[in-house]
C-alpha atoms as a PDB file:
ATOM      1  CA  UNK A   1      12.355 -18.919   1.811  1.00  0.00           C
ATOM      2  CA  UNK A   2      10.465 -15.957   2.825  1.00  0.00           C
ATOM      3  CA  UNK A   3      10.390 -13.096   0.579  1.00  0.00           C
ATOM      4  CA  UNK A   4       9.014  -9.567  -0.345  1.00  0.00           C
ATOM      5  CA  UNK A   5       7.801  -8.196  -3.422  1.00  0.00           C
ATOM      6  CA  UNK A   6      10.594  -6.270  -5.319  1.00  0.00           C
ATOM      7  CA  UNK A   7       8.768  -3.480  -7.343  1.00  0.00           C
ATOM      8  CA  UNK A   8       8.181  -1.109  -4.413  1.00  0.00           C
ATOM      9  CA  UNK A   9      11.561  -2.067  -2.908  1.00  0.00           C
ATOM     10  CA  UNK A  10      13.202  -0.683  -6.119  1.00  0.00           C
ATOM     11  CA  UNK A  11      11.050   2.535  -5.952  1.00  0.00           C
ATOM     12  CA  UNK A  12      11.961   3.134  -2.434  1.00  0.00           C
ATOM     13  CA  UNK A  13      15.680   2.871  -3.217  1.00  0.00           C
ATOM     14  CA  UNK A  14      15.380   5.411  -5.928  1.00  0.00           C
ATOM     15  CA  UNK A  15      13.608   7.641  -3.631  1.00  0.00           C
ATOM     16  CA  UNK A  16      16.634   7.549  -1.251  1.00  0.00           C
ATOM     17  CA  UNK A  17      19.040   8.971  -3.632  1.00  0.00           C
ATOM     18  CA  UNK A  18      19.137  12.571  -1.931  1.00  0.00           C
ATOM     19  CA  UNK A  19      20.609  10.619   0.888  1.00  0.00           C
ATOM     20  CA  UNK A  20      23.606  10.044  -1.578  1.00  0.00           C
ATOM     21  CA  UNK A  21      22.698   6.446  -2.106  1.00  0.00           C
ATOM     22  CA  UNK A  22      23.167   5.103  -5.595  1.00  0.00           C
ATOM     23  CA  UNK A  23      20.600   2.269  -5.966  1.00  0.00           C
ATOM     24  CA  UNK A  24      22.907   0.297  -8.556  1.00  0.00           C
ATOM     25  CA  UNK A  25      25.938   0.324  -6.227  1.00  0.00           C
ATOM     26  CA  UNK A  26      23.864  -0.935  -3.337  1.00  0.00           C
ATOM     27  CA  UNK A  27      21.898  -3.634  -5.266  1.00  0.00           C
ATOM     28  CA  UNK A  28      25.390  -4.931  -6.596  1.00  0.00           C
ATOM     29  CA  UNK A  29      27.122  -4.885  -3.156  1.00  0.00           C
ATOM     30  CA  UNK A  30      24.408  -7.316  -2.003  1.00  0.00           C
ATOM     31  CA  UNK A  31      24.295  -9.564  -4.942  1.00  0.00           C
ATOM     32  CA  UNK A  32      21.090  -8.083  -6.599  1.00  0.00           C
ATOM     33  CA  UNK A  33      20.622  -6.227  -9.818  1.00  0.00           C
ATOM     34  CA  UNK A  34      18.140  -3.462 -10.720  1.00  0.00           C
ATOM     35  CA  UNK A  35      16.922  -5.350 -13.806  1.00  0.00           C
ATOM     36  CA  UNK A  36      15.920  -8.372 -11.671  1.00  0.00           C
ATOM     37  CA  UNK A  37      13.972  -6.330  -9.454  1.00  0.00           C
ATOM     38  CA  UNK A  38      12.135  -4.405 -12.317  1.00  0.00           C
ATOM     39  CA  UNK A  39      10.450  -7.288 -13.079  1.00  0.00           C
ATOM     40  CA  UNK A  40       7.092  -6.714 -11.698  1.00  0.00           C
ATOM     41  CA  UNK A  41       6.362  -9.994 -10.061  1.00  0.00           C
ATOM     42  CA  UNK A  42       9.804 -10.612  -8.931  1.00  0.00           C
ATOM     43  CA  UNK A  43      10.459 -11.347  -5.269  1.00  0.00           C
ATOM     44  CA  UNK A  44      13.398 -10.352  -3.002  1.00  0.00           C
ATOM     45  CA  UNK A  45      14.442 -12.679  -0.086  1.00  0.00           C
ATOM     46  CA  UNK A  46      14.465 -11.453   3.385  1.00  0.00           C
ATOM     47  CA  UNK A  47      18.205 -12.256   3.712  1.00  0.00           C
ATOM     48  CA  UNK A  48      18.901  -9.841   0.610  1.00  0.00           C
ATOM     49  CA  UNK A  49      16.406  -6.943   2.258  1.00  0.00           C
ATOM     50  CA  UNK A  50      18.593  -7.607   5.320  1.00  0.00           C
ATOM     51  CA  UNK A  51      21.577  -6.931   3.735  1.00  0.00           C
ATOM     52  CA  UNK A  52      20.300  -4.050   1.669  1.00  0.00           C
ATOM     53  CA  UNK A  53      19.426  -2.086   5.112  1.00  0.00           C
ATOM     54  CA  UNK A  54      22.788  -2.757   6.632  1.00  0.00           C
ATOM     55  CA  UNK A  55      24.920  -1.889   3.336  1.00  0.00           C
ATOM     56  CA  UNK A  56      22.787   1.384   2.910  1.00  0.00           C
ATOM     57  CA  UNK A  57      23.554   2.338   6.337  1.00  0.00           C
ATOM     58  CA  UNK A  58      27.274   1.645   5.728  1.00  0.00           C
ATOM     59  CA  UNK A  59      27.315   3.546   2.362  1.00  0.00           C
ATOM     60  CA  UNK A  60      25.625   6.717   3.706  1.00  0.00           C
ATOM     61  CA  UNK A  61      27.511   6.640   7.113  1.00  0.00           C
ATOM     62  CA  UNK A  62      24.214   6.850   8.721  1.00  0.00           C
ATOM     63  CA  UNK A  63      23.569   5.213  12.066  1.00  0.00           C
ATOM     64  CA  UNK A  64      20.146   6.048  11.900  1.00  0.00           C
ATOM     65  CA  UNK A  65      19.497   5.130   8.154  1.00  0.00           C
ATOM     66  CA  UNK A  66      15.955   3.806   8.759  1.00  0.00           C
ATOM     67  CA  UNK A  67      14.755   7.085  10.294  1.00  0.00           C
ATOM     68  CA  UNK A  68      16.483   9.115   7.565  1.00  0.00           C
ATOM     69  CA  UNK A  69      15.085   7.128   4.760  1.00  0.00           C
ATOM     70  CA  UNK A  70      11.554   7.349   6.161  1.00  0.00           C
ATOM     71  CA  UNK A  71      11.332  11.106   6.220  1.00  0.00           C
ATOM     72  CA  UNK A  72      12.240  11.258   2.312  1.00  0.00           C
ATOM     73  CA  UNK A  73       9.512   8.812   1.292  1.00  0.00           C
ATOM     74  CA  UNK A  74       6.618  10.206  -0.373  1.00  0.00           C
ATOM     75  CA  UNK A  75       3.406   8.088  -1.651  1.00  0.00           C
ATOM     76  CA  UNK A  76       4.562   8.257  -5.072  1.00  0.00           C
ATOM     77  CA  UNK A  77       7.838   6.108  -4.118  1.00  0.00           C
ATOM     78  CA  UNK A  78       5.546   3.246  -2.900  1.00  0.00           C
ATOM     79  CA  UNK A  79       3.763   2.139  -6.006  1.00  0.00           C
ATOM     80  CA  UNK A  80       0.148   0.665  -5.630  1.00  0.00           C
ATOM     81  CA  UNK A  81       0.427   1.092  -1.799  1.00  0.00           C
ATOM     82  CA  UNK A  82       1.332   4.780  -1.942  1.00  0.00           C
ATOM     83  CA  UNK A  83      -2.100   5.240  -4.165  1.00  0.00           C
ATOM     84  CA  UNK A  84      -3.892   3.181  -1.600  1.00  0.00           C
ATOM     85  CA  UNK A  85      -2.751   5.292   1.307  1.00  0.00           C
ATOM     86  CA  UNK A  86      -3.166   8.611  -0.379  1.00  0.00           C
ATOM     87  CA  UNK A  87      -6.626   7.793  -1.996  1.00  0.00           C
ATOM     88  CA  UNK A  88      -7.960   6.990   1.605  1.00  0.00           C
ATOM     89  CA  UNK A  89     -10.605   8.912   3.003  1.00  0.00           C
ATOM     90  CA  UNK A  90      -8.999   9.197   6.597  1.00  0.00           C
ATOM     91  CA  UNK A  91      -6.316   7.581   8.924  1.00  0.00           C
ATOM     92  CA  UNK A  92      -8.445   4.508   9.796  1.00  0.00           C
ATOM     93  CA  UNK A  93      -9.117   3.628   6.281  1.00  0.00           C
ATOM     94  CA  UNK A  94      -5.642   3.976   5.052  1.00  0.00           C
ATOM     95  CA  UNK A  95      -4.334   1.847   7.918  1.00  0.00           C
ATOM     96  CA  UNK A  96      -7.017  -0.857   7.234  1.00  0.00           C
ATOM     97  CA  UNK A  97      -6.071  -0.879   3.702  1.00  0.00           C
ATOM     98  CA  UNK A  98      -2.260  -1.198   4.920  1.00  0.00           C
ATOM     99  CA  UNK A  99      -3.039  -4.261   6.640  1.00  0.00           C
ATOM    100  CA  UNK A 100      -4.707  -5.684   3.781  1.00  0.00           C
ATOM    101  CA  UNK A 101      -1.765  -4.868   1.363  1.00  0.00           C
ATOM    102  CA  UNK A 102       0.549  -6.326   3.373  1.00  0.00           C
ATOM    103  CA  UNK A 103      -1.016  -9.638   3.053  1.00  0.00           C
ATOM    104  CA  UNK A 104      -0.236  -9.622  -0.686  1.00  0.00           C
ATOM    105  CA  UNK A 105       3.164  -8.386  -0.732  1.00  0.00           C
ATOM    106  CA  UNK A 106       5.126 -10.932   1.112  1.00  0.00           C
ATOM    107  CA  UNK A 107       5.133 -13.210   4.237  1.00  0.00           C
ATOM    108  CA  UNK A 108       7.980 -11.515   6.207  1.00  0.00           C
ATOM    109  CA  UNK A 109       5.856  -9.117   8.252  1.00  0.00           C
ATOM    110  CA  UNK A 110       2.479  -8.496   9.520  1.00  0.00           C
ATOM    111  CA  UNK A 111       0.343  -5.606  10.464  1.00  0.00           C
ATOM    112  CA  UNK A 112      -2.422  -5.137  12.939  1.00  0.00           C
ATOM    113  CA  UNK A 113      -4.312  -2.585  14.821  1.00  0.00           C
ATOM    114  CA  UNK A 114      -5.540  -2.745  18.344  1.00  0.00           C
ATOM    115  CA  UNK A 115      -7.961  -0.735  19.808  1.00  0.00           C
ATOM    116  CA  UNK A 116      -8.088  -0.345  23.626  1.00  0.00           C
ATOM    117  CA  UNK A 117     -10.242   2.679  25.414  1.00  0.00           C
ATOM    118  CA  UNK A 118      -9.453   5.971  23.466  1.00  0.00           C
ATOM    119  CA  UNK A 119      -6.285   4.726  21.989  1.00  0.00           C
ATOM    120  CA  UNK A 120      -5.247   2.539  18.925  1.00  0.00           C
ATOM    121  CA  UNK A 121      -2.044   0.678  18.641  1.00  0.00           C
ATOM    122  CA  UNK A 122      -0.348   0.007  15.315  1.00  0.00           C
ATOM    123  CA  UNK A 123       1.721  -3.079  15.680  1.00  0.00           C
ATOM    124  CA  UNK A 124       4.244  -4.041  12.915  1.00  0.00           C
ATOM    125  CA  UNK A 125       5.844  -7.625  13.353  1.00  0.00           C
ATOM    126  CA  UNK A 126       8.557  -8.789  11.250  1.00  0.00           C
ATOM    127  CA  UNK A 127       8.433 -12.434  11.871  1.00  0.00           C
ATOM    128  CA  UNK A 128      11.310 -13.939   9.635  1.00  0.00           C
ATOM    129  CA  UNK A 129      14.876 -13.583  10.563  1.00  0.00           C
ATOM    130  CA  UNK A 130      17.349 -12.046   9.853  1.00  0.00           C
ATOM    131  CA  UNK A 131      15.153  -9.221   8.989  1.00  0.00           C
ATOM    132  CA  UNK A 132      13.347  -9.571  12.354  1.00  0.00           C
ATOM    133  CA  UNK A 133      16.461  -8.348  13.969  1.00  0.00           C
ATOM    134  CA  UNK A 134      17.231  -5.447  11.771  1.00  0.00           C
ATOM    135  CA  UNK A 135      17.019  -2.146  13.594  1.00  0.00           C
ATOM    136  CA  UNK A 136      17.171   0.043  10.530  1.00  0.00           C
ATOM    137  CA  UNK A 137      14.002  -1.933   9.068  1.00  0.00           C
ATOM    138  CA  UNK A 138      12.086  -1.668  12.454  1.00  0.00           C
ATOM    139  CA  UNK A 139      12.606   2.221  12.793  1.00  0.00           C
ATOM    140  CA  UNK A 140      11.825   2.613   9.163  1.00  0.00           C
ATOM    141  CA  UNK A 141       8.631   0.633   9.425  1.00  0.00           C
ATOM    142  CA  UNK A 142       7.138   2.894  12.306  1.00  0.00           C
ATOM    143  CA  UNK A 143       8.865   6.303  11.123  1.00  0.00           C
ATOM    144  CA  UNK A 144       7.616   6.077   7.353  1.00  0.00           C
ATOM    145  CA  UNK A 145       3.848   5.437   8.480  1.00  0.00           C
ATOM    146  CA  UNK A 146       4.026   8.237  10.891  1.00  0.00           C
ATOM    147  CA  UNK A 147       5.637  10.559   8.163  1.00  0.00           C
ATOM    148  CA  UNK A 148       3.047   9.830   5.777  1.00  0.00           C
ATOM    149  CA  UNK A 149       0.184  10.203   7.962  1.00  0.00           C
ATOM    150  CA  UNK A 150       1.493  13.598   8.876  1.00  0.00           C
ATOM    151  CA  UNK A 151       2.048  14.622   5.298  1.00  0.00           C
ATOM    152  CA  UNK A 152      -1.199  13.284   3.925  1.00  0.00           C
ATOM    153  CA  UNK A 153      -3.414  14.741   6.629  1.00  0.00           C
ATOM    154  CA  UNK A 154      -1.432  18.143   6.619  1.00  0.00           C
ATOM    155  CA  UNK A 155      -0.962  17.716  10.314  1.00  0.00           C
ATOM    156  CA  UNK A 156       2.960  18.025  10.596  1.00  0.00           C
ATOM    157  CA  UNK A 157       2.894  18.609  14.317  1.00  0.00           C
ATOM    158  CA  UNK A 158       0.973  15.238  15.085  1.00  0.00           C
ATOM    159  CA  UNK A 159       3.006  13.004  17.012  1.00  0.00           C
ATOM    160  CA  UNK A 160       2.280   9.236  18.413  1.00  0.00           C
ATOM    161  CA  UNK A 161       1.254   8.910  22.073  1.00  0.00           C
ATOM    162  CA  UNK A 162       4.005   6.347  22.479  1.00  0.00           C
ATOM    163  CA  UNK A 163       6.513   4.547  20.329  1.00  0.00           C
ATOM    164  CA  UNK A 164       8.080   1.071  21.283  1.00  0.00           C
ATOM    165  CA  UNK A 165      10.869  -1.005  19.710  1.00  0.00           C
ATOM    166  CA  UNK A 166      12.080  -4.556  20.539  1.00  0.00           C
ATOM    167  CA  UNK A 167      15.797  -3.445  19.716  1.00  0.00           C
ATOM    168  CA  UNK A 168      17.879  -2.064  22.589  1.00  0.00           C
ATOM    169  CA  UNK A 169      18.385   1.749  22.672  1.00  0.00           C
ATOM    170  CA  UNK A 170      21.109   3.060  20.636  1.00  0.00           C
ATOM    171  CA  UNK A 171      23.842   5.332  22.146  1.00  0.00           C
ATOM    172  CA  UNK A 172      22.039   8.343  20.952  1.00  0.00           C
ATOM    173  CA  UNK A 173      18.057   8.694  20.797  1.00  0.00           C
ATOM    174  CA  UNK A 174      17.814  12.384  19.963  1.00  0.00           C
ATOM    175  CA  UNK A 175      17.136  11.438  16.241  1.00  0.00           C
ATOM    176  CA  UNK A 176      14.264   9.258  17.385  1.00  0.00           C
ATOM    177  CA  UNK A 177      12.592  12.104  19.538  1.00  0.00           C
ATOM    178  CA  UNK A 178      13.011  14.503  16.499  1.00  0.00           C
ATOM    179  CA  UNK A 179      11.338  12.261  13.916  1.00  0.00           C
ATOM    180  CA  UNK A 180       8.638  10.853  16.280  1.00  0.00           C
ATOM    181  CA  UNK A 181       7.933  13.847  18.511  1.00  0.00           C
ATOM    182  CA  UNK A 182       8.153  11.714  21.726  1.00  0.00           C
ATOM    183  CA  UNK A 183      10.509   9.611  23.574  1.00  0.00           C
ATOM    184  CA  UNK A 184      10.460   6.098  22.437  1.00  0.00           C
ATOM    185  CA  UNK A 185      10.846   2.977  24.766  1.00  0.00           C
ATOM    186  CA  UNK A 186      13.552   0.161  23.783  1.00  0.00           C
ATOM    187  CA  UNK A 187      13.705  -3.381  24.615  1.00  0.00           C
ATOM    188  CA  UNK A 188      10.238  -3.816  24.580  1.00  0.00           C
ATOM    189  CA  UNK A 189       7.973  -6.838  23.597  1.00  0.00           C
ATOM    190  CA  UNK A 190       6.935  -5.221  20.199  1.00  0.00           C
ATOM    191  CA  UNK A 191       7.418  -2.566  17.637  1.00  0.00           C
ATOM    192  CA  UNK A 192       4.480  -0.381  17.815  1.00  0.00           C
ATOM    193  CA  UNK A 193       3.195   3.260  18.021  1.00  0.00           C
ATOM    194  CA  UNK A 194       0.086   4.548  19.838  1.00  0.00           C
ATOM    195  CA  UNK A 195      -2.316   7.060  18.558  1.00  0.00           C
ATOM    196  CA  UNK A 196      -5.466   8.712  19.850  1.00  0.00           C
ATOM    197  CA  UNK A 197      -8.712   6.759  18.731  1.00  0.00           C
ATOM    198  CA  UNK A 198     -10.095  10.099  17.283  1.00  0.00           C
ATOM    199  CA  UNK A 199      -7.148  10.453  14.813  1.00  0.00           C
ATOM    200  CA  UNK A 200      -8.393   7.503  12.885  1.00  0.00           C
ATOM    201  CA  UNK A 201     -11.207   9.740  11.873  1.00  0.00           C
ATOM    202  CA  UNK A 202      -8.684  12.697  10.543  1.00  0.00           C
ATOM    203  CA  UNK A 203      -9.524  13.273   6.802  1.00  0.00           C
ATOM    204  CA  UNK A 204      -6.766  13.001   4.155  1.00  0.00           C
ATOM    205  CA  UNK A 205      -6.194  15.936   2.017  1.00  0.00           C
ATOM    206  CA  UNK A 206      -6.904  15.697  -1.543  1.00  0.00           C
ATOM    207  CA  UNK A 207      -7.946  12.068  -1.242  1.00  0.00           C
ATOM    208  CA  UNK A 208     -10.528  12.386  -4.083  1.00  0.00           C
ATOM    209  CA  UNK A 209      -7.782  13.840  -6.562  1.00  0.00           C
ATOM    210  CA  UNK A 210      -5.361  10.766  -6.206  1.00  0.00           C
ATOM    211  CA  UNK A 211      -7.088   8.219  -8.675  1.00  0.00           C
ATOM    212  CA  UNK A 212      -5.380   9.557 -11.664  1.00  0.00           C
ATOM    213  CA  UNK A 213      -2.208   8.957 -10.290  1.00  0.00           C
ATOM    214  CA  UNK A 214      -2.334   5.141 -10.717  1.00  0.00           C
ATOM    215  CA  UNK A 215      -4.912   4.802 -13.461  1.00  0.00           C
ATOM    216  CA  UNK A 216      -3.498   7.447 -15.673  1.00  0.00           C
ATOM    217  CA  UNK A 217      -5.064   8.791 -18.955  1.00  0.00           C
ATOM    218  CA  UNK A 218      -5.253   5.479 -20.668  1.00  0.00           C
ATOM    219  CA  UNK A 219      -7.215   3.710 -17.741  1.00  0.00           C
ATOM    220  CA  UNK A 220      -9.470   6.758 -17.624  1.00  0.00           C
ATOM    221  CA  UNK A 221     -10.190   6.600 -21.151  1.00  0.00           C
ATOM    222  CA  UNK A 222     -11.159   2.796 -20.921  1.00  0.00           C
ATOM    223  CA  UNK A 223     -13.530   3.629 -18.250  1.00  0.00           C
ATOM    224  CA  UNK A 224     -14.826   6.583 -20.022  1.00  0.00           C
ATOM    225  CA  UNK A 225     -15.699   4.182 -22.982  1.00  0.00           C
ATOM    226  CA  UNK A 226     -18.049   2.125 -20.837  1.00  0.00           C
ATOM    227  CA  UNK A 227     -21.655   2.773 -21.839  1.00  0.00           C
ATOM    228  CA  UNK A 228     -23.152   5.602 -20.146  1.00  0.00           C
ATOM    229  CA  UNK A 229     -26.710   4.219 -19.988  1.00  0.00           C
ATOM    230  CA  UNK A 230     -27.878   6.251 -17.293  1.00  0.00           C
ATOM    231  CA  UNK A 231     -26.900   8.724 -14.431  1.00  0.00           C
ATOM    232  CA  UNK A 232     -27.245   5.947 -11.700  1.00  0.00           C
ATOM    233  CA  UNK A 233     -25.040   3.603 -13.571  1.00  0.00           C
ATOM    234  CA  UNK A 234     -22.404   6.219 -13.758  1.00  0.00           C
ATOM    235  CA  UNK A 235     -22.823   6.904 -10.074  1.00  0.00           C
ATOM    236  CA  UNK A 236     -22.170   3.246  -9.216  1.00  0.00           C
ATOM    237  CA  UNK A 237     -19.091   3.009 -11.547  1.00  0.00           C
ATOM    238  CA  UNK A 238     -17.640   6.091  -9.854  1.00  0.00           C
ATOM    239  CA  UNK A 239     -18.212   5.035  -6.322  1.00  0.00           C
ATOM    240  CA  UNK A 240     -16.899   1.412  -7.181  1.00  0.00           C
ATOM    241  CA  UNK A 241     -13.783   3.016  -8.404  1.00  0.00           C
ATOM    242  CA  UNK A 242     -13.236   4.568  -5.126  1.00  0.00           C
ATOM    243  CA  UNK A 243     -14.092   1.446  -3.074  1.00  0.00           C
ATOM    244  CA  UNK A 244     -12.288  -1.357  -5.196  1.00  0.00           C
ATOM    245  CA  UNK A 245      -8.972  -0.859  -3.323  1.00  0.00           C
ATOM    246  CA  UNK A 246     -10.602  -1.045   0.285  1.00  0.00           C
ATOM    247  CA  UNK A 247     -11.519  -4.665  -0.691  1.00  0.00           C
ATOM    248  CA  UNK A 248     -14.352  -6.246  -2.408  1.00  0.00           C
ATOM    249  CA  UNK A 249     -17.398  -3.750  -2.455  1.00  0.00           C
ATOM    250  CA  UNK A 250     -20.789  -4.922  -1.599  1.00  0.00           C
ATOM    251  CA  UNK A 251     -24.254  -3.549  -2.646  1.00  0.00           C
ATOM    252  CA  UNK A 252     -24.786  -2.374   0.813  1.00  0.00           C
ATOM    253  CA  UNK A 253     -21.807  -0.127   0.868  1.00  0.00           C
ATOM    254  CA  UNK A 254     -22.548   1.248  -2.442  1.00  0.00           C
ATOM    255  CA  UNK A 255     -26.296   1.880  -1.708  1.00  0.00           C
ATOM    256  CA  UNK A 256     -25.287   3.582   1.718  1.00  0.00           C
ATOM    257  CA  UNK A 257     -22.765   5.885  -0.188  1.00  0.00           C
ATOM    258  CA  UNK A 258     -25.559   6.936  -2.621  1.00  0.00           C
ATOM    259  CA  UNK A 259     -28.069   7.294   0.008  1.00  0.00           C
ATOM    260  CA  UNK A 260     -30.563   4.810  -1.290  1.00  0.00           C
ATOM    261  CA  UNK A 261     -31.763   1.435   0.081  1.00  0.00           C
ATOM    262  CA  UNK A 262     -30.285  -1.635  -1.235  1.00  0.00           C
ATOM    263  CA  UNK A 263     -33.874  -2.583  -2.949  1.00  0.00           C
ATOM    264  CA  UNK A 264     -33.980   0.766  -4.536  1.00  0.00           C
ATOM    265  CA  UNK A 265     -30.307   0.424  -6.062  1.00  0.00           C
ATOM    266  CA  UNK A 266     -31.240  -3.183  -7.138  1.00  0.00           C
ATOM    267  CA  UNK A 267     -34.348  -1.921  -8.978  1.00  0.00           C
ATOM    268  CA  UNK A 268     -32.723   1.025 -10.555  1.00  0.00           C
ATOM    269  CA  UNK A 269     -29.883  -1.205 -12.106  1.00  0.00           C
ATOM    270  CA  UNK A 270     -32.454  -3.743 -13.083  1.00  0.00           C
ATOM    271  CA  UNK A 271     -34.024  -1.089 -15.284  1.00  0.00           C
ATOM    272  CA  UNK A 272     -30.732  -1.074 -17.094  1.00  0.00           C
ATOM    273  CA  UNK A 273     -30.855  -4.732 -17.532  1.00  0.00           C
ATOM    274  CA  UNK A 274     -28.150  -5.069 -14.948  1.00  0.00           C
ATOM    275  CA  UNK A 275     -27.036  -6.348 -11.568  1.00  0.00           C
ATOM    276  CA  UNK A 276     -24.651  -5.042  -9.225  1.00  0.00           C
ATOM    277  CA  UNK A 277     -22.570  -8.083  -9.569  1.00  0.00           C
ATOM    278  CA  UNK A 278     -22.387  -7.428 -13.455  1.00  0.00           C
ATOM    279  CA  UNK A 279     -21.472  -3.908 -12.883  1.00  0.00           C
ATOM    280  CA  UNK A 280     -18.694  -4.868 -10.545  1.00  0.00           C
ATOM    281  CA  UNK A 281     -17.265  -7.568 -12.805  1.00  0.00           C
ATOM    282  CA  UNK A 282     -17.432  -5.129 -15.769  1.00  0.00           C
ATOM    283  CA  UNK A 283     -15.232  -2.574 -13.961  1.00  0.00           C
ATOM    284  CA  UNK A 284     -12.857  -5.250 -12.777  1.00  0.00           C
ATOM    285  CA  UNK A 285     -12.310  -6.655 -16.178  1.00  0.00           C
ATOM    286  CA  UNK A 286     -11.566  -3.391 -17.859  1.00  0.00           C
ATOM    287  CA  UNK A 287      -9.299  -2.358 -15.112  1.00  0.00           C
ATOM    288  CA  UNK A 288      -7.507  -5.431 -14.962  1.00  0.00           C
ATOM    289  CA  UNK A 289      -5.983  -5.097 -18.415  1.00  0.00           C
ATOM    290  CA  UNK A 290      -5.233  -1.468 -17.562  1.00  0.00           C
ATOM    291  CA  UNK A 291      -3.162  -2.509 -14.499  1.00  0.00           C
ATOM    292  CA  UNK A 292      -1.389  -5.458 -16.393  1.00  0.00           C
ATOM    293  CA  UNK A 293      -0.369  -3.222 -19.284  1.00  0.00           C
ATOM    294  CA  UNK A 294       1.459  -1.368 -16.542  1.00  0.00           C
ATOM    295  CA  UNK A 295       4.953  -3.082 -16.902  1.00  0.00           C
ATOM    296  CA  UNK A 296       5.835  -1.847 -13.228  1.00  0.00           C
ATOM    297  CA  UNK A 297       2.897  -3.225 -11.520  1.00  0.00           C
ATOM    298  CA  UNK A 298       2.910  -6.534  -9.951  1.00  0.00           C
ATOM    299  CA  UNK A 299       0.040  -8.826 -10.361  1.00  0.00           C
ATOM    300  CA  UNK A 300      -0.283  -8.914  -6.620  1.00  0.00           C
ATOM    301  CA  UNK A 301      -0.731  -5.147  -6.839  1.00  0.00           C
ATOM    302  CA  UNK A 302      -3.369  -5.276  -9.473  1.00  0.00           C
ATOM    303  CA  UNK A 303      -5.289  -7.732  -7.476  1.00  0.00           C
ATOM    304  CA  UNK A 304      -5.268  -5.469  -4.436  1.00  0.00           C
ATOM    305  CA  UNK A 305      -6.273  -2.522  -6.464  1.00  0.00           C
ATOM    306  CA  UNK A 306      -9.296  -4.560  -7.907  1.00  0.00           C
ATOM    307  CA  UNK A 307     -10.533  -5.662  -4.462  1.00  0.00           C
ATOM    308  CA  UNK A 308      -9.421  -9.222  -4.448  1.00  0.00           C
ATOM    309  CA  UNK A 309      -8.537 -11.040  -1.406  1.00  0.00           C
ATOM    310  CA  UNK A 310      -5.439 -12.447  -3.118  1.00  0.00           C
ATOM    311  CA  UNK A 311      -3.767 -12.818  -6.326  1.00  0.00           C
ATOM    312  CA  UNK A 312      -5.148 -16.395  -6.917  1.00  0.00           C
ATOM    313  CA  UNK A 313      -8.780 -15.270  -6.543  1.00  0.00           C
ATOM    314  CA  UNK A 314      -7.823 -12.568  -9.030  1.00  0.00           C
ATOM    315  CA  UNK A 315      -6.144 -14.987 -11.642  1.00  0.00           C
ATOM    316  CA  UNK A 316      -9.133 -17.167 -11.443  1.00  0.00           C
ATOM    317  CA  UNK A 317     -11.447 -14.257 -12.361  1.00  0.00           C
ATOM    318  CA  UNK A 318      -9.106 -13.083 -14.982  1.00  0.00           C
ATOM    319  CA  UNK A 319      -8.675 -16.661 -16.615  1.00  0.00           C
ATOM    320  CA  UNK A 320     -12.702 -16.639 -16.768  1.00  0.00           C
ATOM    321  CA  UNK A 321     -12.736 -13.352 -18.590  1.00  0.00           C
ATOM    322  CA  UNK A 322      -9.758 -13.885 -21.048  1.00  0.00           C
ATOM    323  CA  UNK A 323      -9.047 -17.710 -21.106  1.00  0.00           C
ATOM    324  CA  UNK A 324      -5.458 -17.091 -20.198  1.00  0.00           C
ATOM    325  CA  UNK A 325      -3.599 -16.395 -16.603  1.00  0.00           C
ATOM    326  CA  UNK A 326      -2.718 -12.758 -15.968  1.00  0.00           C
ATOM    327  CA  UNK A 327       0.940 -13.865 -16.522  1.00  0.00           C
ATOM    328  CA  UNK A 328       0.150 -15.265 -19.815  1.00  0.00           C
ATOM    329  CA  UNK A 329      -1.756 -12.125 -21.138  1.00  0.00           C
ATOM    330  CA  UNK A 330       0.874  -9.683 -19.826  1.00  0.00           C
ATOM    331  CA  UNK A 331       3.620 -11.893 -22.033  1.00  0.00           C
ATOM    332  CA  UNK A 332       1.304 -11.980 -24.942  1.00  0.00           C
ATOM    333  CA  UNK A 333       0.618  -7.933 -24.604  1.00  0.00           C
ATOM    334  CA  UNK A 334       3.910  -6.854 -23.768  1.00  0.00           C
END
């Protein structure tokens, strides 16, 4: 059975309360409970997610619930994904991180970017029925990304060049035109929106200030407790912090970021008796226990924020550090 990570779903539902939506009632109506979804590593079937969208539209009497919901969501409602988006340097980096994040949070949908000439096209494919045929879900999936890009770049007037949906056009498409700033095309082959290639370089406002939103004071204190042996070591740690959620950082990336050659960076670390890999592992080990100590963070989210390609790679590393699996460590330190 295909499924989606539950934690972010619950946060989204709470974010939609201004629409008059009571999360407890909605979940109960489709056979779910908030207590179950609060388990950080629980999963929700696509059948339940499909039912949630349809029931939410009924409870709010909103035929355009997906669009309405997208306009209310802020990064804080999206858990680790919200941090990853807001901490990106620009639009292109945010979308690249989203694509990577999607692979860790369920197998029901896929995201990709296609570049052609002066345009890039964001493609969201929900591959598992019945969710793949849900209009509210399809419209939310496009509108929420458009809304977040506007907010975090500060370009509220930005609009996609084109928006396409697989489903047929509803009777009234004025809400779509208002949300997207253009007239979507319906009954198309894919759910997409197109943007100018140059918009991928648009910077995010306050990207450097977001780290504390997920690390919080406890994490910052643990990182501060690492031995401060040299300015270069501190600089490497600071940059690793920034790069981890974008994937596994390389020494080439760090050297370029610091304006050094790879050999110069290696030599400076060797003067401290360290290698790049040792510093990276040390950072990951420290942050891993911080993330797992957060009862609302799923193991897959922790793996993502630490730059691992999947949860199993993170689990192997964690067992090497602590001789227990992440889930066993969490149970023993609850």
